[in-house]
Structure formats: structure tokens, C-alpha cells
Amino acid sequence: MAEETERLNRFKETVKEWIESLVIAFILAMTVRTFVIQAFKIPTGSMEPTLKPRDRILVNKFIYRFQEPERGDVVVFRYPLDPRRDFIKRLIAKPGEVVKIENGYIYINGERIDNHPVIKQIYYYNRGTIGNGPEGTRVPEKSYFMLGDNSAFSQDSRYWGFVPRKYILGKAILIYWPIKRIGIIR
């Protein structure tokens, strides 16, 4: 009888340790996911060729706590027209800048963007109503202008406007799946 009680006590102790470990692991995982890094799946081709449908990526949610988003960053954000949905696009213009799309090129404050290694290689269509007027469009304070790399097939800031700073979730940093596409996102 004492032996059986001892075994039962060891079993209870083991179960308690497992439950404690699982609770701690869950709390750590949720903390990391909420504040540091999160995985996302790319649903559409709006960011091709940079990101393809079904790519799985990691997003650094911590970086923008210490620095502002930069032109050319691939950013995950809450969609301004439905904040329950997450979108991913390339940051093109920052607060206060005047953005204009003309003949496939991006102009910021009247200067053509020729110094960014990715932006200068993409042909941007001047569709939609924002950014294609003769004078361009000024980005409101605390907001950003985002475009998909596959500009012909991307619903982006040209159509629905600007992304408020508070809607930015993080910077896309790495493709981790499929294996043949593993790499840093530029």
C-alpha cells in the first residue's frame, strides 16, 4: 500500500511538472509572438517576385519600437479599411513626403527614386487615384504610402490611401518556407 501511494505521489508530481512546463512554454511563446517575432503566410501575388503566394515569412515586430520604418521596408500592417485583416506591402513614402508615380517610376518630393536597389527595378503603374496626379500626393503625418511589388495586380495605397503608423505590425525579415525559397527579404 505504501508503495502504491508513493507511485501515485510521483505520478502526481510528474504531471504537475509537465503542466507547469507547458504553461511556461505557452506564456513564453505568446510573449514572443505578440512582441518579438511572428510567422505569416502570404495569401496573394501582390508582392511578386519578392514574395510568392503560400510563402511563409517571419516578421520582426520588435524593430519599430526603436526605429521608424524606412523606405523600401517590406511591412506587415493592419489593412486601413478593415483592421481585422493583415496586409503586406513595400513602404514607398513616409510622413510629410509628396509621392508621385509617373512612367513606371516613383518620385518623392519631385526626385526620382534611383538609389534604392529594389524600388528602382520595379515598374509601378500609376493606377488608382492616389499618387498619380500631376503634383503628386502628400502623405499625412503619422502615415505611410505602401505599394505592392507586383504593381499591376496589387490593391495598395494607390486605391485605399495611407497606412496609419499605429497599424504597422512589423518588418518582414525572412522567408522560411518553402525550403527552396529560404532567404532574407529585401
N, C-alpha and C. Protein backbone atom coordinates (compact mmCIF):
# COMPACT_ATOMS: atom_id res chain seq x y z
N MET A 1 0.82 -1.19 0.00
CA MET A 1 0.00 0.00 0.00
C MET A 1 0.87 1.26 0.00
N ALA A 2 1.91 1.30 0.78
CA ALA A 2 2.80 2.46 0.84
C ALA A 2 3.50 2.66 -0.50
N GLU A 3 3.85 1.52 -1.14
CA GLU A 3 4.50 1.60 -2.45
C GLU A 3 3.56 2.20 -3.49
N GLU A 4 2.30 1.82 -3.45
CA GLU A 4 1.32 2.35 -4.38
C GLU A 4 1.10 3.84 -4.14
N THR A 5 1.05 4.26 -2.90
CA THR A 5 0.89 5.67 -2.56
C THR A 5 2.09 6.46 -3.06
N GLU A 6 3.27 5.90 -2.90
CA GLU A 6 4.50 6.55 -3.37
C GLU A 6 4.48 6.73 -4.89
N ARG A 7 4.06 5.68 -5.62
CA ARG A 7 3.96 5.76 -7.08
C ARG A 7 2.93 6.81 -7.50
N LEU A 8 1.81 6.85 -6.81
CA LEU A 8 0.77 7.84 -7.11
C LEU A 8 1.29 9.25 -6.86
N ASN A 9 2.01 9.45 -5.79
CA ASN A 9 2.59 10.77 -5.48
C ASN A 9 3.61 11.18 -6.54
N ARG A 10 4.45 10.23 -6.99
CA ARG A 10 5.43 10.53 -8.04
C ARG A 10 4.71 10.88 -9.35
N PHE A 11 3.65 10.13 -9.66
CA PHE A 11 2.87 10.40 -10.86
C PHE A 11 2.27 11.81 -10.81
N LYS A 12 1.66 12.16 -9.65
CA LYS A 12 1.07 13.49 -9.49
C LYS A 12 2.14 14.58 -9.63
N GLU A 13 3.30 14.34 -9.07
CA GLU A 13 4.41 15.30 -9.14
C GLU A 13 4.88 15.47 -10.59
N THR A 14 4.95 14.36 -11.31
CA THR A 14 5.36 14.41 -12.72
C THR A 14 4.34 15.17 -13.55
N VAL A 15 3.05 14.89 -13.35
CA VAL A 15 2.00 15.59 -14.08
C VAL A 15 2.06 17.08 -13.76
N LYS A 16 2.26 17.44 -12.50
CA LYS A 16 2.35 18.84 -12.09
C LYS A 16 3.52 19.52 -12.78
N GLU A 17 4.67 18.86 -12.84
CA GLU A 17 5.84 19.44 -13.52
C GLU A 17 5.57 19.64 -15.01
N TRP A 18 4.92 18.67 -15.65
CA TRP A 18 4.59 18.79 -17.07
C TRP A 18 3.64 19.96 -17.30
N ILE A 19 2.63 20.08 -16.48
CA ILE A 19 1.66 21.17 -16.64
C ILE A 19 2.35 22.51 -16.44
N GLU A 20 3.20 22.63 -15.42
CA GLU A 20 3.93 23.87 -15.19
C GLU A 20 4.81 24.20 -16.40
N SER A 21 5.51 23.21 -16.93
CA SER A 21 6.38 23.43 -18.10
C SER A 21 5.58 23.88 -19.31
N LEU A 22 4.45 23.24 -19.53
CA LEU A 22 3.61 23.61 -20.67
C LEU A 22 3.05 25.02 -20.53
N VAL A 23 2.64 25.39 -19.34
CA VAL A 23 2.10 26.73 -19.10
C VAL A 23 3.20 27.78 -19.33
N ILE A 24 4.39 27.52 -18.81
CA ILE A 24 5.51 28.45 -19.01
C ILE A 24 5.86 28.56 -20.50
N ALA A 25 5.92 27.42 -21.19
CA ALA A 25 6.23 27.43 -22.63
C ALA A 25 5.17 28.22 -23.40
N PHE A 26 3.90 28.02 -23.06
CA PHE A 26 2.82 28.74 -23.72
C PHE A 26 2.95 30.24 -23.49
N ILE A 27 3.20 30.65 -22.27
CA ILE A 27 3.34 32.07 -21.94
C ILE A 27 4.51 32.68 -22.71
N LEU A 28 5.64 31.97 -22.74
CA LEU A 28 6.80 32.46 -23.48
C LEU A 28 6.50 32.57 -24.97
N ALA A 29 5.85 31.55 -25.53
CA ALA A 29 5.52 31.57 -26.96
C ALA A 29 4.59 32.73 -27.28
N MET A 30 3.59 32.96 -26.46
CA MET A 30 2.65 34.06 -26.70
C MET A 30 3.35 35.42 -26.56
N THR A 31 4.26 35.53 -25.61
CA THR A 31 5.01 36.78 -25.44
C THR A 31 5.87 37.06 -26.66
N VAL A 32 6.60 36.03 -27.13
CA VAL A 32 7.44 36.19 -28.32
C VAL A 32 6.58 36.54 -29.52
N ARG A 33 5.48 35.83 -29.72
CA ARG A 33 4.60 36.07 -30.87
C ARG A 33 3.99 37.47 -30.82
N THR A 34 3.63 37.94 -29.66
CA THR A 34 2.98 39.23 -29.53
C THR A 34 3.95 40.40 -29.68
N PHE A 35 5.17 40.26 -29.13
CA PHE A 35 6.06 41.41 -29.06
C PHE A 35 7.33 41.30 -29.89
N VAL A 36 7.74 40.11 -30.30
CA VAL A 36 9.05 39.98 -30.92
C VAL A 36 8.99 39.52 -32.37
N ILE A 37 8.50 38.34 -32.62
CA ILE A 37 8.52 37.78 -33.97
C ILE A 37 7.26 36.97 -34.21
N GLN A 38 6.74 37.04 -35.44
CA GLN A 38 5.52 36.30 -35.75
C GLN A 38 5.63 35.74 -37.16
N ALA A 39 5.04 34.59 -37.37
CA ALA A 39 5.01 33.96 -38.68
C ALA A 39 3.74 34.39 -39.41
N PHE A 40 3.86 34.58 -40.73
CA PHE A 40 2.73 34.93 -41.58
C PHE A 40 2.81 34.09 -42.85
N LYS A 41 1.66 33.86 -43.46
CA LYS A 41 1.58 33.18 -44.75
C LYS A 41 1.13 34.19 -45.80
N ILE A 42 1.81 34.22 -46.93
CA ILE A 42 1.47 35.17 -47.99
C ILE A 42 0.29 34.61 -48.79
N PRO A 43 -0.84 35.36 -48.85
CA PRO A 43 -2.05 34.84 -49.48
C PRO A 43 -2.17 35.12 -50.98
N THR A 44 -1.52 36.19 -51.47
CA THR A 44 -1.72 36.59 -52.86
C THR A 44 -0.40 36.89 -53.55
N GLY A 45 -0.47 37.20 -54.82
CA GLY A 45 0.71 37.53 -55.61
C GLY A 45 1.02 39.01 -55.68
N SER A 46 0.45 39.82 -54.80
CA SER A 46 0.64 41.28 -54.89
C SER A 46 2.07 41.72 -54.60
N MET A 47 2.89 40.85 -54.01
CA MET A 47 4.28 41.21 -53.71
C MET A 47 5.28 40.43 -54.57
N GLU A 48 4.79 39.77 -55.63
CA GLU A 48 5.72 39.05 -56.50
C GLU A 48 6.60 40.05 -57.24
N PRO A 49 7.84 39.74 -57.50
CA PRO A 49 8.52 38.48 -57.29
C PRO A 49 9.14 38.33 -55.90
N THR A 50 9.10 39.39 -55.08
CA THR A 50 9.72 39.33 -53.75
C THR A 50 9.13 38.21 -52.91
N LEU A 51 7.81 38.17 -52.82
CA LEU A 51 7.10 37.15 -52.05
C LEU A 51 6.06 36.50 -52.95
N LYS A 52 5.96 35.20 -52.86
CA LYS A 52 5.03 34.45 -53.70
C LYS A 52 3.89 33.90 -52.83
N PRO A 53 2.72 33.66 -53.46
CA PRO A 53 1.63 33.07 -52.68
C PRO A 53 2.09 31.78 -51.99
N ARG A 54 1.68 31.62 -50.78
CA ARG A 54 1.99 30.48 -49.92
C ARG A 54 3.39 30.51 -49.30
N ASP A 55 4.21 31.55 -49.60
CA ASP A 55 5.46 31.72 -48.86
C ASP A 55 5.10 31.90 -47.39
N ARG A 56 5.95 31.40 -46.55
CA ARG A 56 5.80 31.64 -45.10
C ARG A 56 6.98 32.48 -44.67
N ILE A 57 6.65 33.54 -43.94
CA ILE A 57 7.68 34.51 -43.57
C ILE A 57 7.68 34.77 -42.07
N LEU A 58 8.79 35.31 -41.60
CA LEU A 58 8.89 35.78 -40.22
C LEU A 58 8.92 37.30 -40.24
N VAL A 59 8.19 37.89 -39.31
CA VAL A 59 8.09 39.34 -39.21
C VAL A 59 8.63 39.78 -37.86
N ASN A 60 9.55 40.74 -37.90
CA ASN A 60 10.12 41.31 -36.69
C ASN A 60 9.17 42.38 -36.18
N LYS A 61 8.50 42.10 -35.07
CA LYS A 61 7.52 43.03 -34.50
C LYS A 61 8.16 43.97 -33.49
N PHE A 62 9.44 43.77 -33.23
CA PHE A 62 10.15 44.50 -32.18
C PHE A 62 10.87 45.72 -32.74
N ILE A 63 11.33 45.63 -33.98
CA ILE A 63 12.23 46.63 -34.56
C ILE A 63 11.65 48.04 -34.57
N TYR A 64 10.37 48.17 -34.86
CA TYR A 64 9.79 49.51 -34.99
C TYR A 64 9.46 50.14 -33.64
N ARG A 65 9.79 49.46 -32.57
CA ARG A 65 9.70 50.09 -31.25
C ARG A 65 10.90 51.02 -31.03
N PHE A 66 11.98 50.76 -31.79
CA PHE A 66 13.22 51.51 -31.60
C PHE A 66 13.61 52.36 -32.79
N GLN A 67 13.02 52.12 -33.93
CA GLN A 67 13.32 52.92 -35.11
C GLN A 67 12.07 53.04 -35.97
N GLU A 68 12.06 54.07 -36.78
CA GLU A 68 10.93 54.30 -37.68
C GLU A 68 11.09 53.43 -38.92
N PRO A 69 9.97 53.04 -39.53
CA PRO A 69 10.04 52.30 -40.79
C PRO A 69 10.77 53.13 -41.85
N GLU A 70 11.50 52.45 -42.71
CA GLU A 70 12.27 53.12 -43.76
C GLU A 70 11.73 52.80 -45.14
N ARG A 71 11.99 53.70 -46.08
CA ARG A 71 11.60 53.47 -47.46
C ARG A 71 12.23 52.16 -47.94
N GLY A 72 11.41 51.32 -48.57
CA GLY A 72 11.88 50.05 -49.08
C GLY A 72 11.62 48.88 -48.15
N ASP A 73 11.31 49.13 -46.88
CA ASP A 73 10.99 48.03 -45.97
C ASP A 73 9.74 47.31 -46.46
N VAL A 74 9.75 45.99 -46.33
CA VAL A 74 8.54 45.20 -46.58
C VAL A 74 7.85 45.08 -45.23
N VAL A 75 6.63 45.64 -45.16
CA VAL A 75 5.97 45.86 -43.87
C VAL A 75 4.64 45.11 -43.80
N VAL A 76 4.38 44.50 -42.65
CA VAL A 76 3.07 43.91 -42.38
C VAL A 76 2.30 44.92 -41.53
N PHE A 77 1.04 45.15 -41.91
CA PHE A 77 0.22 46.14 -41.22
C PHE A 77 -1.23 45.73 -41.26
N ARG A 78 -2.02 46.36 -40.40
CA ARG A 78 -3.46 46.15 -40.44
C ARG A 78 -4.04 46.97 -41.59
N TYR A 79 -4.87 46.33 -42.37
CA TYR A 79 -5.49 46.97 -43.53
C TYR A 79 -6.36 48.13 -43.05
N PRO A 80 -6.12 49.35 -43.53
CA PRO A 80 -6.86 50.52 -43.03
C PRO A 80 -8.38 50.43 -43.20
N LEU A 81 -8.87 49.74 -44.23
CA LEU A 81 -10.32 49.66 -44.43
C LEU A 81 -10.98 48.54 -43.63
N ASP A 82 -10.16 47.63 -43.10
CA ASP A 82 -10.67 46.53 -42.26
C ASP A 82 -9.52 46.07 -41.36
N PRO A 83 -9.32 46.74 -40.22
CA PRO A 83 -8.17 46.47 -39.36
C PRO A 83 -8.09 45.04 -38.80
N ARG A 84 -9.10 44.22 -39.06
CA ARG A 84 -9.01 42.81 -38.62
C ARG A 84 -8.14 42.00 -39.57
N ARG A 85 -7.85 42.54 -40.76
CA ARG A 85 -7.04 41.84 -41.76
C ARG A 85 -5.63 42.41 -41.79
N ASP A 86 -4.65 41.53 -42.02
CA ASP A 86 -3.26 41.95 -42.15
C ASP A 86 -2.89 41.98 -43.62
N PHE A 87 -2.13 43.01 -44.01
CA PHE A 87 -1.63 43.17 -45.36
C PHE A 87 -0.11 43.25 -45.31
N ILE A 88 0.53 43.01 -46.45
CA ILE A 88 1.98 43.18 -46.57
C ILE A 88 2.27 43.92 -47.87
N LYS A 89 3.05 44.98 -47.76
CA LYS A 89 3.43 45.80 -48.92
C LYS A 89 4.80 46.43 -48.64
N ARG A 90 5.34 47.09 -49.66
CA ARG A 90 6.61 47.79 -49.52
C ARG A 90 6.34 49.26 -49.19
N LEU A 91 7.06 49.78 -48.20
CA LEU A 91 6.92 51.17 -47.81
C LEU A 91 7.61 52.04 -48.86
N ILE A 92 6.86 52.97 -49.43
CA ILE A 92 7.37 53.82 -50.50
C ILE A 92 7.59 55.26 -50.03
N ALA A 93 6.62 55.83 -49.32
CA ALA A 93 6.74 57.22 -48.89
C ALA A 93 6.38 57.36 -47.42
N LYS A 94 7.11 58.26 -46.76
CA LYS A 94 6.97 58.47 -45.32
C LYS A 94 6.16 59.74 -45.04
N PRO A 95 5.83 59.96 -43.77
CA PRO A 95 5.01 61.12 -43.40
C PRO A 95 5.59 62.43 -43.92
N GLY A 96 4.71 63.26 -44.51
CA GLY A 96 5.10 64.58 -44.99
C GLY A 96 5.69 64.60 -46.39
N GLU A 97 6.04 63.45 -46.94
CA GLU A 97 6.63 63.41 -48.28
C GLU A 97 5.53 63.49 -49.34
N VAL A 98 5.90 64.02 -50.51
CA VAL A 98 4.98 64.06 -51.65
C VAL A 98 5.38 62.91 -52.58
N VAL A 99 4.45 62.00 -52.81
CA VAL A 99 4.73 60.83 -53.65
C VAL A 99 4.00 60.99 -54.98
N LYS A 100 4.70 60.58 -56.03
CA LYS A 100 4.11 60.65 -57.37
C LYS A 100 4.60 59.43 -58.15
N ILE A 101 3.69 58.82 -58.92
CA ILE A 101 4.04 57.70 -59.80
C ILE A 101 3.87 58.20 -61.23
N GLU A 102 4.95 58.10 -62.01
CA GLU A 102 4.89 58.59 -63.38
C GLU A 102 5.80 57.75 -64.27
N ASN A 103 5.25 57.23 -65.37
CA ASN A 103 6.00 56.42 -66.33
C ASN A 103 6.75 55.26 -65.66
N GLY A 104 6.13 54.66 -64.66
CA GLY A 104 6.71 53.50 -64.00
C GLY A 104 7.67 53.81 -62.88
N TYR A 105 7.96 55.06 -62.65
CA TYR A 105 8.92 55.46 -61.62
C TYR A 105 8.22 56.09 -60.43
N ILE A 106 8.89 56.00 -59.29
CA ILE A 106 8.42 56.65 -58.06
C ILE A 106 9.21 57.94 -57.90
N TYR A 107 8.48 59.02 -57.61
CA TYR A 107 9.10 60.30 -57.30
C TYR A 107 8.72 60.68 -55.88
N ILE A 108 9.70 61.08 -55.10
CA ILE A 108 9.47 61.56 -53.74
C ILE A 108 9.95 63.00 -53.69
N ASN A 109 9.05 63.91 -53.34
CA ASN A 109 9.37 65.34 -53.28
C ASN A 109 10.01 65.81 -54.59
N GLY A 110 9.53 65.29 -55.71
CA GLY A 110 10.00 65.70 -57.02
C GLY A 110 11.24 64.99 -57.53
N GLU A 111 11.87 64.17 -56.71
CA GLU A 111 13.09 63.45 -57.10
C GLU A 111 12.77 61.99 -57.37
N ARG A 112 13.24 61.52 -58.52
CA ARG A 112 13.02 60.11 -58.87
C ARG A 112 13.86 59.21 -57.95
N ILE A 113 13.24 58.12 -57.48
CA ILE A 113 13.95 57.17 -56.61
C ILE A 113 14.81 56.26 -57.49
N ASP A 114 16.10 56.53 -57.49
CA ASP A 114 17.04 55.74 -58.27
C ASP A 114 18.08 55.07 -57.37
N ASN A 115 18.03 55.37 -56.07
CA ASN A 115 19.08 54.87 -55.19
C ASN A 115 18.66 53.68 -54.34
N HIS A 116 17.43 53.23 -54.46
CA HIS A 116 17.02 52.05 -53.70
C HIS A 116 17.12 50.83 -54.60
N PRO A 117 17.86 49.79 -54.17
CA PRO A 117 18.13 48.65 -55.06
C PRO A 117 16.89 47.90 -55.54
N VAL A 118 15.82 47.87 -54.77
CA VAL A 118 14.61 47.15 -55.20
C VAL A 118 13.63 48.09 -55.88
N ILE A 119 13.34 49.22 -55.26
CA ILE A 119 12.32 50.14 -55.80
C ILE A 119 12.67 50.57 -57.22
N LYS A 120 13.93 50.84 -57.49
CA LYS A 120 14.30 51.34 -58.82
C LYS A 120 14.15 50.27 -59.91
N GLN A 121 14.04 49.00 -59.53
CA GLN A 121 13.93 47.92 -60.50
C GLN A 121 12.48 47.54 -60.84
N ILE A 122 11.53 48.10 -60.12
CA ILE A 122 10.13 47.74 -60.30
C ILE A 122 9.42 48.79 -61.14
N TYR A 123 8.61 48.34 -62.08
CA TYR A 123 7.77 49.25 -62.84
C TYR A 123 6.47 49.42 -62.07
N TYR A 124 6.20 50.65 -61.63
CA TYR A 124 4.98 50.94 -60.87
C TYR A 124 3.96 51.60 -61.79
N TYR A 125 2.78 51.00 -61.87
CA TYR A 125 1.71 51.57 -62.67
C TYR A 125 1.04 52.69 -61.89
N ASN A 126 0.67 53.77 -62.61
CA ASN A 126 0.00 54.88 -61.91
C ASN A 126 -1.51 54.73 -61.99
N ARG A 127 -1.98 53.62 -61.49
CA ARG A 127 -3.41 53.35 -61.41
C ARG A 127 -3.93 53.85 -60.07
N GLY A 128 -5.22 53.83 -59.92
CA GLY A 128 -5.78 54.31 -58.67
C GLY A 128 -5.83 55.82 -58.67
N THR A 129 -6.23 56.39 -57.56
CA THR A 129 -6.42 57.84 -57.51
C THR A 129 -5.36 58.56 -56.67
N ILE A 130 -4.58 57.82 -55.91
CA ILE A 130 -3.62 58.46 -55.00
C ILE A 130 -2.21 58.29 -55.55
N GLY A 131 -1.48 59.40 -55.67
CA GLY A 131 -0.10 59.36 -56.12
C GLY A 131 0.08 59.52 -57.61
N ASN A 132 -0.99 59.67 -58.37
CA ASN A 132 -0.80 59.77 -59.82
C ASN A 132 -1.22 61.11 -60.41
N GLY A 133 -1.54 62.08 -59.57
CA GLY A 133 -1.88 63.41 -60.09
C GLY A 133 -0.62 64.15 -60.51
N PRO A 134 -0.77 65.24 -61.24
CA PRO A 134 0.39 65.97 -61.74
C PRO A 134 1.30 66.51 -60.64
N GLU A 135 0.73 66.82 -59.51
CA GLU A 135 1.53 67.35 -58.39
C GLU A 135 1.92 66.27 -57.39
N GLY A 136 1.39 65.07 -57.54
CA GLY A 136 1.63 64.03 -56.55
C GLY A 136 0.68 64.18 -55.38
N THR A 137 0.93 63.41 -54.34
CA THR A 137 0.07 63.41 -53.15
C THR A 137 0.94 63.46 -51.91
N ARG A 138 0.62 64.37 -50.99
CA ARG A 138 1.37 64.46 -49.74
C ARG A 138 0.87 63.40 -48.76
N VAL A 139 1.82 62.67 -48.17
CA VAL A 139 1.49 61.65 -47.18
C VAL A 139 1.20 62.36 -45.85
N PRO A 140 0.05 62.09 -45.24
CA PRO A 140 -0.28 62.75 -43.96
C PRO A 140 0.72 62.38 -42.86
N GLU A 141 0.80 63.22 -41.87
CA GLU A 141 1.64 62.93 -40.71
C GLU A 141 1.21 61.62 -40.06
N LYS A 142 2.15 60.90 -39.52
CA LYS A 142 1.93 59.62 -38.85
C LYS A 142 1.28 58.59 -39.76
N SER A 143 1.56 58.68 -41.08
CA SER A 143 1.02 57.73 -42.05
C SER A 143 2.09 57.40 -43.08
N TYR A 144 1.83 56.31 -43.83
CA TYR A 144 2.79 55.83 -44.83
C TYR A 144 2.06 55.44 -46.10
N PHE A 145 2.78 55.52 -47.23
CA PHE A 145 2.27 55.13 -48.54
C PHE A 145 2.92 53.81 -48.91
N MET A 146 2.09 52.77 -49.15
CA MET A 146 2.58 51.41 -49.39
C MET A 146 2.17 50.94 -50.79
N LEU A 147 3.08 50.22 -51.46
CA LEU A 147 2.78 49.63 -52.76
C LEU A 147 3.20 48.17 -52.78
N GLY A 148 2.44 47.37 -53.53
CA GLY A 148 2.85 46.00 -53.79
C GLY A 148 3.90 45.98 -54.88
N ASP A 149 4.85 45.06 -54.79
CA ASP A 149 5.88 44.95 -55.82
C ASP A 149 5.30 44.53 -57.16
N ASN A 150 4.20 43.79 -57.15
CA ASN A 150 3.51 43.39 -58.37
C ASN A 150 2.43 44.45 -58.64
N SER A 151 2.88 45.61 -59.00
CA SER A 151 2.04 46.80 -59.07
C SER A 151 0.83 46.66 -59.99
N ALA A 152 0.92 45.83 -61.02
CA ALA A 152 -0.21 45.65 -61.93
C ALA A 152 -1.37 44.92 -61.25
N PHE A 153 -1.07 44.14 -60.20
CA PHE A 153 -2.10 43.31 -59.57
C PHE A 153 -2.15 43.51 -58.06
N SER A 154 -1.88 44.72 -57.61
CA SER A 154 -1.86 44.97 -56.17
C SER A 154 -2.86 46.05 -55.79
N GLN A 155 -3.71 45.73 -54.84
CA GLN A 155 -4.57 46.74 -54.23
C GLN A 155 -3.74 47.33 -53.10
N ASP A 156 -3.39 48.60 -53.19
CA ASP A 156 -2.47 49.20 -52.23
C ASP A 156 -2.84 50.66 -52.00
N SER A 157 -1.91 51.45 -51.53
CA SER A 157 -2.19 52.84 -51.18
C SER A 157 -2.71 53.67 -52.34
N ARG A 158 -2.45 53.26 -53.56
CA ARG A 158 -2.99 53.98 -54.72
C ARG A 158 -4.51 53.97 -54.72
N TYR A 159 -5.10 52.94 -54.12
CA TYR A 159 -6.55 52.74 -54.14
C TYR A 159 -7.22 53.09 -52.81
N TRP A 160 -6.63 52.65 -51.70
CA TRP A 160 -7.31 52.82 -50.42
C TRP A 160 -6.64 53.81 -49.47
N GLY A 161 -5.55 54.43 -49.90
CA GLY A 161 -4.97 55.50 -49.10
C GLY A 161 -3.78 55.10 -48.26
N PHE A 162 -3.63 55.76 -47.15
CA PHE A 162 -2.41 55.68 -46.36
C PHE A 162 -2.58 54.75 -45.16
N VAL A 163 -1.45 54.26 -44.66
CA VAL A 163 -1.44 53.36 -43.50
C VAL A 163 -1.02 54.17 -42.28
N PRO A 164 -1.89 54.29 -41.29
CA PRO A 164 -1.51 54.99 -40.06
C PRO A 164 -0.37 54.25 -39.35
N ARG A 165 0.52 55.00 -38.73
CA ARG A 165 1.67 54.40 -38.02
C ARG A 165 1.20 53.36 -37.01
N LYS A 166 0.10 53.62 -36.33
CA LYS A 166 -0.38 52.71 -35.29
C LYS A 166 -0.83 51.36 -35.86
N TYR A 167 -1.03 51.26 -37.18
CA TYR A 167 -1.45 50.00 -37.80
C TYR A 167 -0.27 49.12 -38.23
N ILE A 168 0.94 49.65 -38.17
CA ILE A 168 2.11 48.88 -38.59
C ILE A 168 2.44 47.84 -37.53
N LEU A 169 2.53 46.57 -37.98
CA LEU A 169 2.82 45.46 -37.07
C LEU A 169 4.29 45.10 -37.03
N GLY A 170 4.99 45.18 -38.16
CA GLY A 170 6.40 44.82 -38.14
C GLY A 170 7.01 44.74 -39.54
N LYS A 171 8.29 44.42 -39.54
CA LYS A 171 9.08 44.34 -40.77
C LYS A 171 9.29 42.87 -41.15
N ALA A 172 8.96 42.54 -42.40
CA ALA A 172 9.19 41.18 -42.90
C ALA A 172 10.70 40.99 -43.06
N ILE A 173 11.23 39.90 -42.48
CA ILE A 173 12.69 39.74 -42.49
C ILE A 173 13.17 38.47 -43.18
N LEU A 174 12.34 37.41 -43.19
CA LEU A 174 12.86 36.13 -43.66
C LEU A 174 11.75 35.26 -44.24
N ILE A 175 12.05 34.64 -45.40
CA ILE A 175 11.18 33.59 -45.93
C ILE A 175 11.74 32.28 -45.36
N TYR A 176 10.89 31.51 -44.67
CA TYR A 176 11.37 30.25 -44.11
C TYR A 176 10.74 29.02 -44.76
N TRP A 177 9.74 29.24 -45.63
CA TRP A 177 9.11 28.12 -46.33
C TRP A 177 8.51 28.62 -47.63
N PRO A 178 8.64 27.92 -48.70
CA PRO A 178 9.23 26.60 -48.89
C PRO A 178 10.77 26.65 -48.80
N ILE A 179 11.33 25.49 -48.56
CA ILE A 179 12.77 25.39 -48.31
C ILE A 179 13.58 26.00 -49.44
N LYS A 180 13.17 25.78 -50.69
CA LYS A 180 13.96 26.29 -51.82
C LYS A 180 13.93 27.82 -51.91
N ARG A 181 13.05 28.47 -51.14
CA ARG A 181 12.98 29.95 -51.16
C ARG A 181 13.49 30.58 -49.87
N ILE A 182 14.08 29.82 -48.99
CA ILE A 182 14.58 30.37 -47.73
C ILE A 182 15.55 31.52 -48.04
N GLY A 183 15.34 32.63 -47.36
CA GLY A 183 16.24 33.76 -47.56
C GLY A 183 15.75 35.02 -46.90
N ILE A 184 16.66 35.99 -46.84
CA ILE A 184 16.37 37.31 -46.28
C ILE A 184 15.49 38.08 -47.27
N ILE A 185 14.52 38.82 -46.76
CA ILE A 185 13.63 39.62 -47.60
C ILE A 185 14.24 40.99 -47.82
N ARG A 186 14.37 41.37 -49.08
CA ARG A 186 14.93 42.69 -49.42
C ARG A 186 13.87 43.54 -50.07
